[in-house]
Protein backbone atom coordinates (compact mmCIF):
# COMPACT_ATOMS: atom_id res chain seq x y z
CA MET A 1 134.16 247.13 66.43
CA PHE A 2 134.61 243.56 67.70
CA ASN A 3 135.53 244.74 71.20
CA ILE A 4 132.39 246.88 71.41
CA PHE A 5 130.31 243.92 70.23
CA PHE A 6 132.02 241.55 72.66
CA GLN A 7 131.33 243.80 75.64
CA LYS A 8 127.61 243.49 74.89
CA MET A 9 127.62 239.71 74.46
CA ASN A 10 125.21 237.69 76.59
CA TYR A 11 125.86 234.20 77.98
CA SER A 12 124.72 232.34 74.87
CA GLU A 13 126.94 234.47 72.64
CA THR A 14 129.87 234.10 75.04
CA ALA A 15 129.52 230.30 75.11
CA ASN A 16 129.42 230.26 71.30
CA TRP A 17 132.54 232.41 71.22
CA LEU A 18 134.30 229.87 73.45
CA PHE A 19 133.30 227.01 71.17
CA ASN A 20 133.78 228.66 67.79
CA LYS A 21 136.76 230.99 68.18
CA LEU A 22 139.13 228.49 69.72
CA PRO A 23 139.77 224.79 69.06
CA ILE A 24 137.89 222.26 71.15
CA TYR A 25 138.74 218.57 71.10
CA GLN A 26 135.16 217.33 71.20
CA LEU A 27 134.33 219.19 68.01
CA GLN A 28 137.54 219.09 66.00
CA GLY A 29 139.60 216.17 67.26
CA ALA A 30 143.38 216.11 66.94
CA THR A 31 143.87 219.77 65.98
CA ALA A 32 142.74 220.87 69.44
CA TYR A 33 145.19 218.77 71.42
CA LYS A 34 148.15 220.66 72.87
CA LYS A 35 151.13 218.70 74.09
CA ASP A 36 152.38 220.78 77.02
CA LEU A 37 151.21 222.71 80.08
CA THR A 38 152.88 226.01 79.18
CA ASN A 39 149.62 227.86 78.55
CA SER A 40 147.89 226.38 81.61
CA ILE A 41 150.76 227.57 83.82
CA LEU A 42 150.74 230.96 82.09
CA LEU A 43 146.99 231.38 82.67
CA ALA A 44 147.29 230.27 86.29
CA LYS A 45 149.89 232.98 86.87
CA HIS A 46 147.67 235.55 85.12
CA LEU A 47 144.79 234.60 87.43
CA ASN A 48 147.02 234.83 90.54
CA HIS A 49 147.32 231.05 90.91
CA PRO A 50 143.81 229.99 92.00
CA GLU A 51 144.91 226.33 91.87
CA LYS A 52 147.21 226.92 94.87
CA LYS A 53 144.27 228.10 96.97
CA LEU A 54 142.16 224.98 96.42
CA LYS A 55 142.02 221.58 98.09
CA CYS A 56 141.36 219.03 95.36
CA VAL A 57 140.89 215.39 94.50
CA HIS A 58 142.24 214.75 90.99
CA VAL A 59 140.54 211.99 88.96
CA ALA A 60 141.88 210.44 85.74
CA GLY A 61 141.11 207.20 83.88
CA THR A 62 139.64 205.81 80.68
CA ASN A 63 136.14 205.09 81.98
CA GLY A 64 134.26 205.94 85.17
CA LYS A 65 135.89 209.32 85.82
CA GLY A 66 132.63 211.25 85.70
CA SER A 67 130.65 208.84 87.86
CA THR A 68 133.47 208.59 90.43
CA CYS A 69 133.75 212.39 90.58
CA HIS A 70 130.01 212.81 91.11
CA LEU A 71 129.93 210.09 93.79
CA LEU A 72 132.76 211.81 95.66
CA ALA A 73 131.15 215.24 95.35
CA SER A 74 127.81 213.90 96.59
CA VAL A 75 129.39 212.29 99.66
CA PHE A 76 131.19 215.48 100.66
CA GLN A 77 127.98 217.46 100.15
CA GLU A 78 126.20 215.03 102.49
CA ALA A 79 129.01 215.64 105.01
CA GLY A 80 128.18 219.35 104.93
CA TYR A 81 131.07 220.69 102.86
CA LYS A 82 130.97 223.25 100.07
CA VAL A 83 132.08 221.19 97.08
CA GLY A 84 133.42 222.34 93.73
CA LEU A 85 132.98 219.88 90.86
CA TYR A 86 134.75 220.19 87.50
CA THR A 87 133.90 217.57 84.85
CA SER A 88 133.72 217.20 81.07
CA PRO A 89 132.20 217.02 78.58
CA HIS A 90 128.82 218.61 79.18
CA LEU A 91 125.62 217.15 77.77
CA LYS A 92 123.41 220.19 77.18
CA ASP A 93 124.92 223.37 78.61
CA PHE A 94 128.57 224.40 79.00
CA ARG A 95 127.87 225.38 82.62
CA GLU A 96 127.35 221.71 83.59
CA ARG A 97 131.15 221.42 83.66
CA ILE A 98 131.52 223.71 86.68
CA LYS A 99 129.30 223.29 89.73
CA VAL A 100 129.30 224.12 93.42
CA ASN A 101 127.11 221.83 95.54
CA GLY A 102 125.35 220.71 92.38
CA VAL A 103 124.51 224.23 91.19
CA GLU A 104 125.97 225.25 87.84
CA ILE A 105 128.23 228.27 87.54
CA SER A 106 126.19 231.41 86.84
CA GLU A 107 125.88 232.76 83.33
CA ASP A 108 127.07 236.16 84.56
CA PHE A 109 130.29 234.74 85.98
CA VAL A 110 131.10 233.03 82.66
CA VAL A 111 130.41 236.21 80.69
CA ASP A 112 132.41 238.44 83.07
CA PHE A 113 135.38 236.02 83.20
CA VAL A 114 135.67 235.81 79.43
CA LYS A 115 135.15 239.54 78.97
CA LYS A 116 137.80 240.37 81.60
CA ASN A 117 140.42 237.96 80.23
CA LYS A 118 139.61 237.98 76.50
CA SER A 119 142.71 239.92 75.45
CA PHE A 120 144.96 237.54 77.38
CA PHE A 121 143.23 234.50 75.82
CA GLU A 122 143.75 235.83 72.32
CA GLU A 123 147.32 237.03 72.83
CA ASN A 124 148.37 233.59 74.08
CA ASP A 125 146.14 231.51 71.77
CA LEU A 126 144.61 229.60 74.68
CA SER A 127 142.60 226.47 73.96
CA PHE A 128 139.02 225.84 75.02
CA PHE A 129 140.21 223.49 77.75
CA GLU A 130 142.83 225.86 79.12
CA MET A 131 140.30 228.67 79.39
CA THR A 132 137.67 226.41 80.94
CA VAL A 133 140.02 225.03 83.59
CA GLY A 134 141.10 228.58 84.46
CA LEU A 135 137.45 229.60 84.72
CA ALA A 136 136.67 226.65 87.02
CA PHE A 137 139.56 227.29 89.40
CA ASP A 138 138.86 231.02 89.51
CA TYR A 139 135.19 230.33 90.24
CA PHE A 140 135.92 227.84 93.02
CA VAL A 141 138.19 230.37 94.74
CA ASN A 142 135.48 233.02 94.34
CA GLN A 143 132.93 230.66 95.90
CA LYS A 144 135.27 229.69 98.77
CA THR A 145 134.80 225.98 98.21
CA GLU A 146 136.18 223.66 100.89
CA ILE A 147 137.00 220.68 98.66
CA ASN A 148 137.02 220.31 94.88
CA ILE A 149 136.67 217.23 92.71
CA ILE A 150 138.58 217.77 89.47
CA GLU A 151 138.17 215.44 86.48
CA VAL A 152 140.96 215.15 83.94
CA GLY A 153 139.81 215.96 80.39
CA MET A 154 142.05 213.47 78.61
CA GLY A 155 145.22 211.62 79.60
CA GLY A 156 146.66 213.22 82.70
CA ARG A 157 150.32 214.19 82.37
CA LEU A 158 149.64 216.99 79.88
CA ASP A 159 146.01 217.71 80.72
CA SER A 160 145.16 221.33 81.53
CA THR A 161 144.02 220.31 85.02
CA ASN A 162 147.44 218.89 85.90
CA ILE A 163 148.70 222.08 87.51
CA ILE A 164 147.09 221.19 90.85
CA THR A 165 148.65 219.41 93.81
CA PRO A 166 145.73 217.34 95.13
CA ILE A 167 145.21 215.69 98.50
CA VAL A 168 144.58 212.39 96.65
CA SER A 169 145.10 211.33 93.03
CA VAL A 170 142.67 208.81 91.52
CA ILE A 171 143.02 206.68 88.37
CA THR A 172 139.82 204.75 87.71
CA ASN A 173 141.04 202.31 85.03
CA ILE A 174 142.96 202.03 81.77
CA GLY A 175 141.62 201.13 78.33
CA LEU A 176 142.57 201.74 74.72
CA ASP A 177 140.90 205.08 74.05
CA HIS A 178 142.22 208.31 72.47
CA THR A 179 145.13 206.23 71.16
CA GLN A 180 146.00 208.91 68.57
CA PHE A 181 146.99 211.18 71.47
CA LEU A 182 147.95 208.92 74.39
CA GLY A 183 149.63 205.96 72.71
CA ASN A 184 148.41 202.63 71.37
CA THR A 185 149.41 200.33 74.23
CA ILE A 186 148.15 199.96 77.80
CA SER A 187 151.65 200.77 79.04
CA LEU A 188 151.85 204.06 77.12
CA ILE A 189 148.34 205.14 78.12
CA SER A 190 149.04 204.19 81.75
CA THR A 191 152.15 206.37 81.67
CA GLU A 192 150.05 209.35 80.53
CA LYS A 193 147.41 208.76 83.22
CA ALA A 194 150.12 208.21 85.87
CA GLY A 195 151.25 211.77 85.16
CA ILE A 196 148.78 212.99 87.80
CA ILE A 197 150.65 211.15 90.58
CA LYS A 198 152.36 213.86 92.65
CA ASN A 199 155.23 213.70 95.12
CA LYS A 200 154.18 212.06 98.42
CA ILE A 201 150.46 212.37 97.52
CA PRO A 202 148.52 209.07 97.90
CA VAL A 203 147.04 207.56 94.75
CA VAL A 204 144.04 205.25 94.34
CA VAL A 205 143.80 202.95 91.31
CA GLY A 206 140.33 201.57 90.61
CA GLU A 207 140.98 198.70 88.20
CA TYR A 208 144.23 197.51 86.69
CA SER A 209 145.91 194.97 84.45
CA GLN A 210 149.37 193.51 85.02
CA GLU A 211 150.76 195.98 82.52
CA SER A 212 149.13 199.07 84.00
CA ARG A 213 149.83 198.05 87.60
CA LEU A 214 153.56 197.90 86.89
CA VAL A 215 153.52 201.43 85.45
CA PHE A 216 151.54 202.80 88.40
CA GLU A 217 153.72 201.10 91.01
CA GLN A 218 156.91 202.38 89.38
CA LYS A 219 155.60 205.96 89.20
CA ALA A 220 154.27 205.84 92.79
CA LYS A 221 157.64 204.56 94.01
CA LYS A 222 159.48 207.31 92.13
CA MET A 223 157.15 209.95 93.61
CA GLU A 224 157.25 208.36 97.10
CA SER A 225 153.46 208.09 97.00
CA GLU A 226 151.42 205.45 98.76
CA ILE A 227 149.35 203.48 96.25
CA TYR A 228 146.04 201.68 96.84
CA PHE A 229 144.33 199.27 94.44
CA ALA A 230 140.62 199.62 95.20
CA SER A 231 139.54 196.49 93.30
CA ASP A 232 141.67 194.35 95.67
CA LEU A 233 140.05 195.72 98.80
CA LYS A 234 136.99 194.41 100.61
CA LEU A 235 134.66 197.35 101.02
CA GLU A 236 130.97 197.52 101.85
CA ASN A 237 128.81 197.61 98.70
CA TYR A 238 126.60 200.57 99.51
CA PRO A 239 123.47 200.83 97.33
CA SER A 240 123.32 203.72 94.86
CA ILE A 241 120.81 205.27 92.52
CA LEU A 242 123.47 204.69 89.82
CA ILE A 243 122.52 201.16 88.82
CA GLY A 244 124.80 200.41 85.86
CA ASP A 245 126.96 197.31 86.39
CA TYR A 246 130.09 199.41 85.97
CA GLN A 247 129.14 201.51 88.99
CA ILE A 248 130.16 198.70 91.36
CA GLN A 249 133.82 199.46 90.70
CA ASN A 250 133.29 203.23 90.66
CA LYS A 251 131.76 203.01 94.14
CA LYS A 252 134.75 201.03 95.43
CA THR A 253 137.14 203.59 93.95
CA ALA A 254 135.21 206.45 95.58
CA GLN A 255 135.06 204.63 98.93
CA GLN A 256 138.79 203.98 99.00
CA THR A 257 139.47 207.61 98.14
CA ILE A 258 137.21 208.78 100.97
CA LYS A 259 138.88 206.36 103.37
CA ILE A 260 142.28 207.94 102.64
CA ILE A 261 140.87 211.42 103.14
CA GLN A 262 139.25 210.34 106.42
CA ASN A 263 142.67 209.17 107.62
CA GLN A 264 144.15 212.57 106.78
CA ASN A 265 141.89 213.98 109.55
CA GLU A 266 141.10 217.18 107.69
CA PHE A 267 137.61 216.28 106.47
CA LYS A 268 135.09 214.41 108.57
CA VAL A 269 132.99 211.94 106.56
CA SER A 270 130.82 209.30 108.22
CA ASP A 271 129.62 205.97 106.85
CA GLU A 272 126.14 207.50 106.81
CA ASN A 273 127.44 210.34 104.62
CA ILE A 274 128.82 207.76 102.17
CA LYS A 275 125.55 205.84 102.15
CA GLU A 276 123.43 208.94 101.60
CA GLY A 277 125.90 210.36 99.10
CA PHE A 278 125.68 207.28 96.91
CA LEU A 279 121.89 207.18 97.13
CA ASN A 280 121.45 210.90 96.40
CA VAL A 281 124.17 211.43 93.81
CA ILE A 282 121.79 212.46 91.01
CA LYS A 283 119.82 214.81 93.26
CA ASN A 284 122.99 216.32 94.76
CA THR A 285 125.07 216.72 91.61
CA GLY A 286 122.75 216.53 88.59
CA LEU A 287 124.64 213.64 86.99
CA GLN A 288 122.97 212.38 83.79
CA GLY A 289 123.49 209.82 81.05
CA ARG A 290 124.74 206.85 83.10
CA TRP A 291 122.37 203.91 82.48
CA GLN A 292 119.62 206.50 82.68
CA LYS A 293 116.05 205.28 82.33
CA LEU A 294 114.02 207.69 80.21
CA SER A 295 110.72 205.82 80.18
CA GLU A 296 108.98 202.48 80.66
CA ASN A 297 106.68 200.38 78.45
CA PRO A 298 108.89 200.19 76.46
CA THR A 299 111.94 200.56 78.67
CA VAL A 300 114.26 203.23 77.27
CA ILE A 301 117.85 203.46 78.53
CA CYS A 302 120.57 205.85 77.42
CA ASP A 303 124.24 205.63 78.37
CA THR A 304 127.30 207.68 77.46
CA ALA A 305 129.65 204.67 77.17
CA HIS A 306 131.57 205.14 73.92
CA ASN A 307 134.76 203.05 73.95
CA TYR A 308 135.44 199.31 73.96
CA ASP A 309 135.69 198.82 77.72
CA GLY A 310 132.69 200.97 78.57
CA LEU A 311 130.46 199.56 75.82
CA LYS A 312 131.37 195.98 76.69
CA ILE A 313 129.96 196.37 80.20
CA VAL A 314 126.88 198.29 79.06
CA LEU A 315 126.01 195.88 76.23
CA ASN A 316 126.39 192.93 78.60
CA GLN A 317 123.94 194.67 80.89
CA VAL A 318 121.51 195.21 78.00
CA GLN A 319 121.52 191.47 77.34
CA LYS A 320 120.55 190.81 80.98
CA GLU A 321 117.34 192.79 80.54
CA GLU A 322 114.04 191.08 79.76
CA PHE A 323 112.38 192.17 76.52
CA ASN A 324 110.62 190.88 73.43
CA GLU A 325 112.63 192.87 70.93
CA LEU A 326 115.71 195.08 71.18
CA HIS A 327 115.95 198.46 69.42
CA ILE A 328 119.29 200.31 69.30
CA VAL A 329 119.64 203.99 68.41
CA LEU A 330 123.30 204.26 67.45
CA GLY A 331 125.60 207.11 66.46
CA VAL A 332 129.35 207.61 66.79
CA VAL A 333 132.13 210.11 66.12
CA ASN A 334 134.32 209.72 63.05
CA ASP A 335 137.54 208.72 64.83
CA LYS A 336 135.94 205.70 66.51
CA ASP A 337 137.49 202.31 65.70
CA LEU A 338 134.35 200.58 64.40
CA ASN A 339 136.16 197.28 63.83
CA GLU A 340 136.76 197.19 67.57
CA ILE A 341 133.34 198.18 68.91
CA LEU A 342 130.78 196.94 66.35
CA PRO A 343 131.48 193.19 66.89
CA MET A 344 130.21 193.62 70.47
CA PHE A 345 126.76 194.80 69.42
CA PRO A 346 123.97 192.18 69.30
CA LYS A 347 122.92 190.94 65.85
CA ASN A 348 119.34 190.27 66.94
CA ALA A 349 118.44 193.96 67.32
CA LYS A 350 116.82 196.56 65.08
CA TYR A 351 119.21 199.44 64.44
CA TYR A 352 118.43 203.11 63.96
CA PHE A 353 121.61 204.72 62.64
CA CYS A 354 122.13 208.44 63.12
CA LYS A 355 124.83 211.12 63.15
CA PRO A 356 125.41 213.23 66.26
CA ASN A 357 125.06 216.89 65.33
CA ILE A 358 128.72 217.92 65.60
CA PRO A 359 131.47 218.21 62.95
CA ARG A 360 133.12 215.03 64.25
CA GLY A 361 129.93 213.00 63.92
CA LEU A 362 130.24 210.02 61.56
CA ASP A 363 127.84 210.04 58.61
CA ALA A 364 125.01 207.62 59.38
CA GLU A 365 125.22 206.00 55.92
CA ILE A 366 128.86 205.11 56.54
CA LEU A 367 127.96 203.69 59.95
CA LYS A 368 125.15 201.63 58.42
CA GLU A 369 127.43 200.15 55.74
CA LYS A 370 130.15 199.36 58.26
CA ALA A 371 127.60 197.80 60.63
CA LYS A 372 126.31 195.60 57.82
CA ASN A 373 129.72 193.88 57.78
CA PHE A 374 128.96 192.67 61.29
CA GLN A 375 125.36 191.63 60.51
CA LEU A 376 123.94 194.67 62.28
CA ILE A 377 120.94 195.68 60.19
CA GLY A 378 118.91 198.86 60.32
CA LYS A 379 117.91 202.11 58.67
CA VAL A 380 119.44 205.57 58.52
CA TYR A 381 117.75 208.63 60.03
CA ASN A 382 118.64 212.26 59.44
CA SER A 383 118.90 213.15 63.13
CA VAL A 384 119.28 211.51 66.52
CA SER A 385 115.83 212.68 67.57
CA ASN A 386 114.19 211.23 64.45
CA ALA A 387 115.94 207.90 65.02
CA TYR A 388 114.69 207.86 68.60
CA LEU A 389 111.13 208.81 67.62
CA GLU A 390 111.05 206.01 65.04
CA ALA A 391 112.37 203.49 67.59
CA LYS A 392 109.62 204.51 70.02
CA LYS A 393 107.02 204.21 67.24
CA LYS A 394 108.19 200.71 66.27
CA ALA A 395 108.67 199.34 69.78
CA SER A 396 105.95 197.51 71.67
CA LYS A 397 105.48 197.98 75.42
CA ASN A 398 107.53 194.84 76.21
CA ASP A 399 110.48 195.93 74.06
CA PHE A 400 113.75 197.58 75.09
CA ILE A 401 115.33 200.67 73.48
CA TYR A 402 119.01 201.44 74.04
CA ILE A 403 120.46 204.81 72.97
CA GLY A 404 124.22 205.25 72.80
CA GLY A 405 127.53 205.00 71.00
CA SER A 406 128.55 208.56 71.80
CA THR A 407 128.15 211.15 74.55
CA PHE A 408 126.82 213.49 71.88
CA VAL A 409 124.01 211.09 70.89
CA VAL A 410 122.86 210.95 74.53
CA ALA A 411 123.14 214.74 74.82
CA GLU A 412 120.73 215.24 71.92
CA ILE A 413 118.15 212.94 73.51
CA LEU A 414 118.41 214.54 76.94
């Protein structure tokens, strides 16, 4: 009966099946994390090893992965190449994760892929991420992409994407995030991220600390890989439509990566392509949620920053803005270390506490009570949209509204 029903499922039903039938980290947390690549390798073999037919750039890191991936994809699109882009998580639609030249994977391809491989998925108890990575690689081969930008989901060493041998590996930066999976020190997390460094494949590191640099240098030496530290290099600061302060470093990381690829003489990318790629990244790739302005009078900005390092930069940027009063629509997931992030938030703001509409969302009442300990005062709202509507109602035209704390909060607004 189920098989007959499944064969008739449309895209919406298929996407729901992916989310609901198998564990997914964004929804469930720790129960969805698998600590080996056995299933990813098994699926790759089942699909006739699409990963071996692709030329890829592999991007890991705590923050900036998504922006760096989109910048790279945009530049290669400007250079005239057919570019596959795999990123996570999505904001509104599952298909945002898999794009070719900025166009999302078709609904039909998703439905047909799941239908064709459903028995194999179930027999081997594949996770959401394993299936999605297999889908992306299969789709890129089908579309005959020339270069593919692949973002690590979490960590690196054991991430489902880590079955590829890229032309360049990229690690944007290291911060204390996902510590329950990756370790609770910079050294341990760096070791997990360094797992994407492959034998004799160059690696670019965006930002580093003494601790993380040592780990990266040791791994690069072991793998006989040339290593480049983008933050140490003097590169032209091309303008970009991505205006968040943190984009300065992401642009440098992308530029250094492109420079290495230029030297490999396989892909031709001009300085003009880089310039236009940075300026047109939103138009070319559809990137959303990075210091994104939703309206003016009052100014409304949303940003997906959700850990200490990302929020620190974003909240510093908020304080640079000119406004009469600051309104903050805030929601988080329930495994967030509030003692770490809440002290960074400004006390002179009005808060609109809300719960992102996922199982992992933290109850807004709990967030409000915890925030009160740090003199962050506000009211609770029963949804993200209601919190946002109330902030807009209360704000005058010279005020500033910031929406954030979680990718899922931003997703509900967009």
